[in-house]
Amino acid sequence: LFALCEYLVVFSNMAFHMTAFWDFRSKEVTVA
């Protein structure tokens, strides 16, 4: 059960960072 909860901690952390999809939807990374 500890290991399962540990997986969920990491997966939810990744999902939190994935919200950048909405934060910068119209933005680009540019090298110029």
PDB file of all heavy atoms in Angstrom:
ATOM      1  N   LEU A   1       0.830  -1.206   0.000  1.00  0.00           N
ATOM      2  CA  LEU A   1       0.000   0.000   0.000  1.00  0.00           C
ATOM      3  C   LEU A   1       0.867   1.259   0.000  1.00  0.00           C
ATOM      4  O   LEU A   1       0.534   2.250  -0.664  1.00  0.00           O
ATOM      5  CB  LEU A   1      -0.920   0.001   1.215  1.00  0.00           C
ATOM      6  CG  LEU A   1      -1.998  -1.091   1.238  1.00  0.00           C
ATOM      7  CD1 LEU A   1      -2.753  -1.077   2.562  1.00  0.00           C
ATOM      8  CD2 LEU A   1      -2.963  -0.903   0.071  1.00  0.00           C
ATOM      9  N   PHE A   2       1.987   1.207   0.728  1.00  0.00           N
ATOM     10  CA  PHE A   2       2.917   2.339   0.707  1.00  0.00           C
ATOM     11  C   PHE A   2       3.447   2.565  -0.695  1.00  0.00           C
ATOM     12  O   PHE A   2       3.480   3.713  -1.185  1.00  0.00           O
ATOM     13  CB  PHE A   2       4.083   2.087   1.672  1.00  0.00           C
ATOM     14  CG  PHE A   2       5.294   2.914   1.355  1.00  0.00           C
ATOM     15  CD1 PHE A   2       5.313   4.283   1.623  1.00  0.00           C
ATOM     16  CD2 PHE A   2       6.424   2.335   0.768  1.00  0.00           C
ATOM     17  CE1 PHE A   2       6.431   5.059   1.306  1.00  0.00           C
ATOM     18  CE2 PHE A   2       7.540   3.102   0.462  1.00  0.00           C
ATOM     19  CZ  PHE A   2       7.545   4.464   0.722  1.00  0.00           C
ATOM     20  N   ALA A   3       3.876   1.495  -1.364  1.00  0.00           N
ATOM     21  CA  ALA A   3       4.421   1.618  -2.719  1.00  0.00           C
ATOM     22  C   ALA A   3       3.379   2.168  -3.686  1.00  0.00           C
ATOM     23  O   ALA A   3       3.682   3.021  -4.530  1.00  0.00           O
ATOM     24  CB  ALA A   3       4.927   0.256  -3.205  1.00  0.00           C
ATOM     25  N   LEU A   4       2.132   1.691  -3.557  1.00  0.00           N
ATOM     26  CA  LEU A   4       1.067   2.184  -4.420  1.00  0.00           C
ATOM     27  C   LEU A   4       0.840   3.676  -4.225  1.00  0.00           C
ATOM     28  O   LEU A   4       0.704   4.432  -5.198  1.00  0.00           O
ATOM     29  CB  LEU A   4      -0.224   1.406  -4.143  1.00  0.00           C
ATOM     30  CG  LEU A   4      -1.455   1.797  -4.969  1.00  0.00           C
ATOM     31  CD1 LEU A   4      -1.200   1.587  -6.452  1.00  0.00           C
ATOM     32  CD2 LEU A   4      -2.678   0.999  -4.525  1.00  0.00           C
ATOM     33  N   CYS A   5       0.801   4.114  -2.979  1.00  0.00           N
ATOM     34  CA  CYS A   5       0.629   5.544  -2.696  1.00  0.00           C
ATOM     35  C   CYS A   5       1.821   6.353  -3.198  1.00  0.00           C
ATOM     36  O   CYS A   5       1.657   7.484  -3.675  1.00  0.00           O
ATOM     37  CB  CYS A   5       0.449   5.767  -1.199  1.00  0.00           C
ATOM     38  SG  CYS A   5      -1.133   5.181  -0.557  1.00  0.00           S
ATOM     39  N   GLU A   6       3.014   5.773  -3.115  1.00  0.00           N
ATOM     40  CA  GLU A   6       4.210   6.447  -3.620  1.00  0.00           C
ATOM     41  C   GLU A   6       4.100   6.661  -5.129  1.00  0.00           C
ATOM     42  O   GLU A   6       4.445   7.730  -5.635  1.00  0.00           O
ATOM     43  CB  GLU A   6       5.447   5.617  -3.284  1.00  0.00           C
ATOM     44  CG  GLU A   6       6.755   6.334  -3.570  1.00  0.00           C
ATOM     45  CD  GLU A   6       7.963   5.470  -3.285  1.00  0.00           C
ATOM     46  OE1 GLU A   6       7.879   4.231  -3.450  1.00  0.00           O
ATOM     47  OE2 GLU A   6       9.013   6.035  -2.905  1.00  0.00           O
ATOM     48  N   TYR A   7       3.600   5.644  -5.846  1.00  0.00           N
ATOM     49  CA  TYR A   7       3.383   5.804  -7.293  1.00  0.00           C
ATOM     50  C   TYR A   7       2.423   6.958  -7.567  1.00  0.00           C
ATOM     51  O   TYR A   7       2.655   7.779  -8.464  1.00  0.00           O
ATOM     52  CB  TYR A   7       2.782   4.528  -7.908  1.00  0.00           C
ATOM     53  CG  TYR A   7       3.592   3.273  -7.747  1.00  0.00           C
ATOM     54  CD1 TYR A   7       3.008   2.024  -7.955  1.00  0.00           C
ATOM     55  CD2 TYR A   7       4.936   3.302  -7.380  1.00  0.00           C
ATOM     56  CE1 TYR A   7       3.721   0.856  -7.822  1.00  0.00           C
ATOM     57  CE2 TYR A   7       5.665   2.127  -7.234  1.00  0.00           C
ATOM     58  CZ  TYR A   7       5.048   0.897  -7.450  1.00  0.00           C
ATOM     59  OH  TYR A   7       5.755  -0.263  -7.313  1.00  0.00           O
ATOM     60  N   LEU A   8       1.333   7.007  -6.796  1.00  0.00           N
ATOM     61  CA  LEU A   8       0.319   8.042  -7.013  1.00  0.00           C
ATOM     62  C   LEU A   8       0.864   9.437  -6.705  1.00  0.00           C
ATOM     63  O   LEU A   8       0.487  10.408  -7.368  1.00  0.00           O
ATOM     64  CB  LEU A   8      -0.912   7.752  -6.154  1.00  0.00           C
ATOM     65  CG  LEU A   8      -1.685   6.477  -6.507  1.00  0.00           C
ATOM     66  CD1 LEU A   8      -2.835   6.256  -5.532  1.00  0.00           C
ATOM     67  CD2 LEU A   8      -2.205   6.530  -7.941  1.00  0.00           C
ATOM     68  N   VAL A   9       1.759   9.538  -5.713  1.00  0.00           N
ATOM     69  CA  VAL A   9       2.402  10.820  -5.421  1.00  0.00           C
ATOM     70  C   VAL A   9       3.187  11.304  -6.630  1.00  0.00           C
ATOM     71  O   VAL A   9       3.081  12.464  -7.049  1.00  0.00           O
ATOM     72  CB  VAL A   9       3.328  10.696  -4.193  1.00  0.00           C
ATOM     73  CG1 VAL A   9       4.228  11.936  -4.071  1.00  0.00           C
ATOM     74  CG2 VAL A   9       2.517  10.525  -2.920  1.00  0.00           C
ATOM     75  N   VAL A  10       3.967  10.404  -7.202  1.00  0.00           N
ATOM     76  CA  VAL A  10       4.810  10.774  -8.346  1.00  0.00           C
ATOM     77  C   VAL A  10       3.957  11.060  -9.579  1.00  0.00           C
ATOM     78  O   VAL A  10       4.200  12.036 -10.299  1.00  0.00           O
ATOM     79  CB  VAL A  10       5.833   9.658  -8.640  1.00  0.00           C
ATOM     80  CG1 VAL A  10       6.600   9.947  -9.927  1.00  0.00           C
ATOM     81  CG2 VAL A  10       6.806   9.524  -7.478  1.00  0.00           C
ATOM     82  N   PHE A  11       2.943  10.231  -9.844  1.00  0.00           N
ATOM     83  CA  PHE A  11       2.094  10.446 -11.015  1.00  0.00           C
ATOM     84  C   PHE A  11       1.313  11.759 -10.914  1.00  0.00           C
ATOM     85  O   PHE A  11       1.152  12.470 -11.910  1.00  0.00           O
ATOM     86  CB  PHE A  11       1.122   9.273 -11.198  1.00  0.00           C
ATOM     87  CG  PHE A  11       1.786   7.993 -11.638  1.00  0.00           C
ATOM     88  CD1 PHE A  11       1.322   6.760 -11.204  1.00  0.00           C
ATOM     89  CD2 PHE A  11       2.877   8.021 -12.489  1.00  0.00           C
ATOM     90  CE1 PHE A  11       1.932   5.586 -11.600  1.00  0.00           C
ATOM     91  CE2 PHE A  11       3.495   6.845 -12.892  1.00  0.00           C
ATOM     92  CZ  PHE A  11       3.020   5.626 -12.446  1.00  0.00           C
ATOM     93  N   SER A  12       0.819  12.080  -9.729  1.00  0.00           N
ATOM     94  CA  SER A  12       0.082  13.338  -9.569  1.00  0.00           C
ATOM     95  C   SER A  12       1.020  14.537  -9.681  1.00  0.00           C
ATOM     96  O   SER A  12       0.620  15.603 -10.164  1.00  0.00           O
ATOM     97  CB  SER A  12      -0.659  13.359  -8.227  1.00  0.00           C
ATOM     98  OG  SER A  12       0.223  13.208  -7.139  1.00  0.00           O
ATOM     99  N   ASN A  13       2.267  14.367  -9.249  1.00  0.00           N
ATOM    100  CA  ASN A  13       3.266  15.425  -9.423  1.00  0.00           C
ATOM    101  C   ASN A  13       3.518  15.673 -10.905  1.00  0.00           C
ATOM    102  O   ASN A  13       3.587  16.826 -11.360  1.00  0.00           O
ATOM    103  CB  ASN A  13       4.561  15.046  -8.707  1.00  0.00           C
ATOM    104  CG  ASN A  13       5.675  16.055  -8.923  1.00  0.00           C
ATOM    105  OD1 ASN A  13       6.395  15.991  -9.920  1.00  0.00           O
ATOM    106  ND2 ASN A  13       5.843  16.974  -8.000  1.00  0.00           N
ATOM    107  N   MET A  14       3.647  14.601 -11.669  1.00  0.00           N
ATOM    108  CA  MET A  14       3.844  14.735 -13.115  1.00  0.00           C
ATOM    109  C   MET A  14       2.638  15.397 -13.768  1.00  0.00           C
ATOM    110  O   MET A  14       2.788  16.261 -14.648  1.00  0.00           O
ATOM    111  CB  MET A  14       4.080  13.357 -13.744  1.00  0.00           C
ATOM    112  CG  MET A  14       5.370  12.680 -13.322  1.00  0.00           C
ATOM    113  SD  MET A  14       5.518  11.043 -14.074  1.00  0.00           S
ATOM    114  CE  MET A  14       7.041  10.449 -13.334  1.00  0.00           C
ATOM    115  N   ALA A  15       1.442  14.996 -13.354  1.00  0.00           N
ATOM    116  CA  ALA A  15       0.225  15.580 -13.916  1.00  0.00           C
ATOM    117  C   ALA A  15       0.135  17.069 -13.599  1.00  0.00           C
ATOM    118  O   ALA A  15      -0.328  17.867 -14.422  1.00  0.00           O
ATOM    119  CB  ALA A  15      -1.001  14.844 -13.380  1.00  0.00           C
ATOM    120  N   PHE A  16       0.587  17.454 -12.405  1.00  0.00           N
ATOM    121  CA  PHE A  16       0.593  18.867 -12.032  1.00  0.00           C
ATOM    122  C   PHE A  16       1.459  19.665 -13.000  1.00  0.00           C
ATOM    123  O   PHE A  16       1.067  20.743 -13.461  1.00  0.00           O
ATOM    124  CB  PHE A  16       1.105  19.027 -10.602  1.00  0.00           C
ATOM    125  CG  PHE A  16       0.957  20.405 -10.038  1.00  0.00           C
ATOM    126  CD1 PHE A  16      -0.171  20.758  -9.316  1.00  0.00           C
ATOM    127  CD2 PHE A  16       1.941  21.366 -10.226  1.00  0.00           C
ATOM    128  CE1 PHE A  16      -0.323  22.032  -8.791  1.00  0.00           C
ATOM    129  CE2 PHE A  16       1.808  22.639  -9.711  1.00  0.00           C
ATOM    130  CZ  PHE A  16       0.673  22.984  -8.994  1.00  0.00           C
ATOM    131  N   HIS A  17       2.642  19.154 -13.308  1.00  0.00           N
ATOM    132  CA  HIS A  17       3.521  19.843 -14.254  1.00  0.00           C
ATOM    133  C   HIS A  17       2.941  19.825 -15.674  1.00  0.00           C
ATOM    134  O   HIS A  17       3.235  20.708 -16.481  1.00  0.00           O
ATOM    135  CB  HIS A  17       4.905  19.204 -14.244  1.00  0.00           C
ATOM    136  CG  HIS A  17       5.680  19.480 -12.983  1.00  0.00           C
ATOM    137  ND1 HIS A  17       6.172  20.733 -12.675  1.00  0.00           N
ATOM    138  CD2 HIS A  17       6.035  18.675 -11.952  1.00  0.00           C
ATOM    139  CE1 HIS A  17       6.806  20.686 -11.512  1.00  0.00           C
ATOM    140  NE2 HIS A  17       6.726  19.453 -11.049  1.00  0.00           N
ATOM    141  N   MET A  18       2.122  18.824 -15.963  1.00  0.00           N
ATOM    142  CA  MET A  18       1.501  18.726 -17.284  1.00  0.00           C
ATOM    143  C   MET A  18       0.489  19.838 -17.528  1.00  0.00           C
ATOM    144  O   MET A  18       0.121  20.115 -18.677  1.00  0.00           O
ATOM    145  CB  MET A  18       0.821  17.359 -17.431  1.00  0.00           C
ATOM    146  CG  MET A  18       0.366  17.021 -18.832  1.00  0.00           C
ATOM    147  SD  MET A  18       1.675  16.363 -19.870  1.00  0.00           S
ATOM    148  CE  MET A  18       1.688  14.654 -19.353  1.00  0.00           C
ATOM    149  N   THR A  19       0.029  20.523 -16.478  1.00  0.00           N
ATOM    150  CA  THR A  19      -0.947  21.605 -16.662  1.00  0.00           C
ATOM    151  C   THR A  19      -0.351  22.793 -17.424  1.00  0.00           C
ATOM    152  O   THR A  19      -1.083  23.714 -17.786  1.00  0.00           O
ATOM    153  CB  THR A  19      -1.490  22.108 -15.302  1.00  0.00           C
ATOM    154  OG1 THR A  19      -0.397  22.564 -14.484  1.00  0.00           O
ATOM    155  CG2 THR A  19      -2.237  20.993 -14.578  1.00  0.00           C
ATOM    156  N   ALA A  20       0.949  22.764 -17.657  1.00  0.00           N
ATOM    157  CA  ALA A  20       1.564  23.777 -18.524  1.00  0.00           C
ATOM    158  C   ALA A  20       0.933  23.749 -19.917  1.00  0.00           C
ATOM    159  O   ALA A  20       1.005  24.734 -20.661  1.00  0.00           O
ATOM    160  CB  ALA A  20       3.067  23.532 -18.640  1.00  0.00           C
ATOM    161  N   PHE A  21       0.292  22.643 -20.254  1.00  0.00           N
ATOM    162  CA  PHE A  21      -0.414  22.525 -21.535  1.00  0.00           C
ATOM    163  C   PHE A  21      -1.463  23.620 -21.673  1.00  0.00           C
ATOM    164  O   PHE A  21      -1.659  24.184 -22.752  1.00  0.00           O
ATOM    165  CB  PHE A  21      -1.072  21.143 -21.629  1.00  0.00           C
ATOM    166  CG  PHE A  21      -1.813  20.898 -22.918  1.00  0.00           C
ATOM    167  CD1 PHE A  21      -1.152  20.403 -24.031  1.00  0.00           C
ATOM    168  CD2 PHE A  21      -3.172  21.174 -23.016  1.00  0.00           C
ATOM    169  CE1 PHE A  21      -1.834  20.180 -25.219  1.00  0.00           C
ATOM    170  CE2 PHE A  21      -3.854  20.961 -24.199  1.00  0.00           C
ATOM    171  CZ  PHE A  21      -3.184  20.457 -25.305  1.00  0.00           C
ATOM    172  N   TRP A  22      -2.163  23.943 -20.578  1.00  0.00           N
ATOM    173  CA  TRP A  22      -3.163  25.022 -20.613  1.00  0.00           C
ATOM    174  C   TRP A  22      -2.522  26.387 -20.383  1.00  0.00           C
ATOM    175  O   TRP A  22      -2.975  27.388 -20.939  1.00  0.00           O
ATOM    176  CB  TRP A  22      -4.233  24.786 -19.535  1.00  0.00           C
ATOM    177  CG  TRP A  22      -5.145  23.650 -19.820  1.00  0.00           C
ATOM    178  CD1 TRP A  22      -6.011  23.531 -20.878  1.00  0.00           C
ATOM    179  CD2 TRP A  22      -5.290  22.458 -19.061  1.00  0.00           C
ATOM    180  NE1 TRP A  22      -6.684  22.336 -20.802  1.00  0.00           N
ATOM    181  CE2 TRP A  22      -6.272  21.656 -19.693  1.00  0.00           C
ATOM    182  CE3 TRP A  22      -4.704  21.982 -17.885  1.00  0.00           C
ATOM    183  CZ2 TRP A  22      -6.669  20.418 -19.201  1.00  0.00           C
ATOM    184  CZ3 TRP A  22      -5.094  20.747 -17.384  1.00  0.00           C
ATOM    185  CH2 TRP A  22      -6.065  19.982 -18.042  1.00  0.00           C
ATOM    186  N   ASP A  23      -1.476  26.419 -19.576  1.00  0.00           N
ATOM    187  CA  ASP A  23      -0.871  27.703 -19.224  1.00  0.00           C
ATOM    188  C   ASP A  23      -0.216  28.401 -20.408  1.00  0.00           C
ATOM    189  O   ASP A  23      -0.239  29.631 -20.503  1.00  0.00           O
ATOM    190  CB  ASP A  23       0.182  27.504 -18.125  1.00  0.00           C
ATOM    191  CG  ASP A  23      -0.405  26.893 -16.869  1.00  0.00           C
ATOM    192  OD1 ASP A  23      -1.641  26.961 -16.697  1.00  0.00           O
ATOM    193  OD2 ASP A  23       0.371  26.346 -16.063  1.00  0.00           O
ATOM    194  N   PHE A  24       0.367  27.616 -21.322  1.00  0.00           N
ATOM    195  CA  PHE A  24       1.132  28.207 -22.434  1.00  0.00           C
ATOM    196  C   PHE A  24       0.688  27.639 -23.781  1.00  0.00           C
ATOM    197  O   PHE A  24       1.506  27.381 -24.656  1.00  0.00           O
ATOM    198  CB  PHE A  24       2.629  27.944 -22.238  1.00  0.00           C
ATOM    199  CG  PHE A  24       3.157  28.442 -20.928  1.00  0.00           C
ATOM    200  CD1 PHE A  24       3.533  27.545 -19.934  1.00  0.00           C
ATOM    201  CD2 PHE A  24       3.280  29.791 -20.669  1.00  0.00           C
ATOM    202  CE1 PHE A  24       4.024  27.992 -18.717  1.00  0.00           C
ATOM    203  CE2 PHE A  24       3.764  30.258 -19.459  1.00  0.00           C
ATOM    204  CZ  PHE A  24       4.132  29.354 -18.487  1.00  0.00           C
ATOM    205  N   ARG A  25      -0.603  27.476 -23.935  1.00  0.00           N
ATOM    206  CA  ARG A  25      -1.124  26.801 -25.128  1.00  0.00           C
ATOM    207  C   ARG A  25      -0.749  27.524 -26.422  1.00  0.00           C
ATOM    208  O   ARG A  25      -0.498  26.886 -27.444  1.00  0.00           O
ATOM    209  CB  ARG A  25      -2.646  26.695 -25.021  1.00  0.00           C
ATOM    210  CG  ARG A  25      -3.240  25.784 -26.081  1.00  0.00           C
ATOM    211  CD  ARG A  25      -4.596  25.257 -25.664  1.00  0.00           C
ATOM    212  NE  ARG A  25      -5.032  24.181 -26.527  1.00  0.00           N
ATOM    213  CZ  ARG A  25      -5.899  23.250 -26.174  1.00  0.00           C
ATOM    214  NH1 ARG A  25      -6.378  23.235 -24.957  1.00  0.00           N
ATOM    215  NH2 ARG A  25      -6.265  22.312 -27.015  1.00  0.00           N
ATOM    216  N   SER A  26      -0.688  28.831 -26.415  1.00  0.00           N
ATOM    217  CA  SER A  26      -0.414  29.590 -27.638  1.00  0.00           C
ATOM    218  C   SER A  26       1.039  30.043 -27.728  1.00  0.00           C
ATOM    219  O   SER A  26       1.398  30.795 -28.634  1.00  0.00           O
ATOM    220  CB  SER A  26      -1.333  30.812 -27.715  1.00  0.00           C
ATOM    221  OG  SER A  26      -1.100  31.666 -26.599  1.00  0.00           O
ATOM    222  N   LYS A  27       1.886  29.599 -26.787  1.00  0.00           N
ATOM    223  CA  LYS A  27       3.277  30.041 -26.747  1.00  0.00           C
ATOM    224  C   LYS A  27       4.203  29.038 -27.445  1.00  0.00           C
ATOM    225  O   LYS A  27       3.833  27.893 -27.668  1.00  0.00           O
ATOM    226  CB  LYS A  27       3.732  30.255 -25.300  1.00  0.00           C
ATOM    227  CG  LYS A  27       2.871  31.217 -24.503  1.00  0.00           C
ATOM    228  CD  LYS A  27       2.946  32.626 -25.064  1.00  0.00           C
ATOM    229  CE  LYS A  27       2.281  33.631 -24.122  1.00  0.00           C
ATOM    230  NZ  LYS A  27       0.842  33.394 -23.928  1.00  0.00           N
ATOM    231  N   GLU A  28       5.420  29.529 -27.763  1.00  0.00           N
ATOM    232  CA  GLU A  28       6.413  28.686 -28.432  1.00  0.00           C
ATOM    233  C   GLU A  28       7.778  28.836 -27.780  1.00  0.00           C
ATOM    234  O   GLU A  28       8.096  29.892 -27.225  1.00  0.00           O
ATOM    235  CB  GLU A  28       6.538  29.058 -29.917  1.00  0.00           C
ATOM    236  CG  GLU A  28       5.307  28.761 -30.747  1.00  0.00           C
ATOM    237  CD  GLU A  28       5.499  29.160 -32.202  1.00  0.00           C
ATOM    238  OE1 GLU A  28       6.282  30.104 -32.455  1.00  0.00           O
ATOM    239  OE2 GLU A  28       4.885  28.526 -33.081  1.00  0.00           O
ATOM    240  N   VAL A  29       8.565  27.770 -27.849  1.00  0.00           N
ATOM    241  CA  VAL A  29       9.975  27.843 -27.493  1.00  0.00           C
ATOM    242  C   VAL A  29      10.736  28.100 -28.783  1.00  0.00           C
ATOM    243  O   VAL A  29      10.654  27.318 -29.731  1.00  0.00           O
ATOM    244  CB  VAL A  29      10.465  26.531 -26.846  1.00  0.00           C
ATOM    245  CG1 VAL A  29      11.967  26.596 -26.580  1.00  0.00           C
ATOM    246  CG2 VAL A  29       9.716  26.261 -25.557  1.00  0.00           C
ATOM    247  N   THR A  30      11.473  29.215 -28.825  1.00  0.00           N
ATOM    248  CA  THR A  30      12.125  29.634 -30.067  1.00  0.00           C
ATOM    249  C   THR A  30      13.618  29.855 -29.858  1.00  0.00           C
ATOM    250  O   THR A  30      14.027  30.457 -28.864  1.00  0.00           O
ATOM    251  CB  THR A  30      11.499  30.943 -30.592  1.00  0.00           C
ATOM    252  OG1 THR A  30      10.091  30.747 -30.777  1.00  0.00           O
ATOM    253  CG2 THR A  30      12.125  31.342 -31.928  1.00  0.00           C
ATOM    254  N   VAL A  31      14.404  29.352 -30.794  1.00  0.00           N
ATOM    255  CA  VAL A  31      15.840  29.632 -30.839  1.00  0.00           C
ATOM    256  C   VAL A  31      16.077  30.493 -32.081  1.00  0.00           C
ATOM    257  O   VAL A  31      15.793  30.070 -33.202  1.00  0.00           O
ATOM    258  CB  VAL A  31      16.685  28.347 -30.926  1.00  0.00           C
ATOM    259  CG1 VAL A  31      18.177  28.686 -31.030  1.00  0.00           C
ATOM    260  CG2 VAL A  31      16.427  27.462 -29.716  1.00  0.00           C
ATOM    261  N   ALA A  32      16.564  31.724 -31.879  1.00  0.00           N
ATOM    262  CA  ALA A  32      16.728  32.668 -32.985  1.00  0.00           C
ATOM    263  C   ALA A  32      18.018  33.450 -32.803  1.00  0.00           C
ATOM    264  O   ALA A  32      18.636  33.456 -31.738  1.00  0.00           O
ATOM    265  CB  ALA A  32      15.534  33.607 -33.066  1.00  0.00           C
TER     266      ALA A  32
END
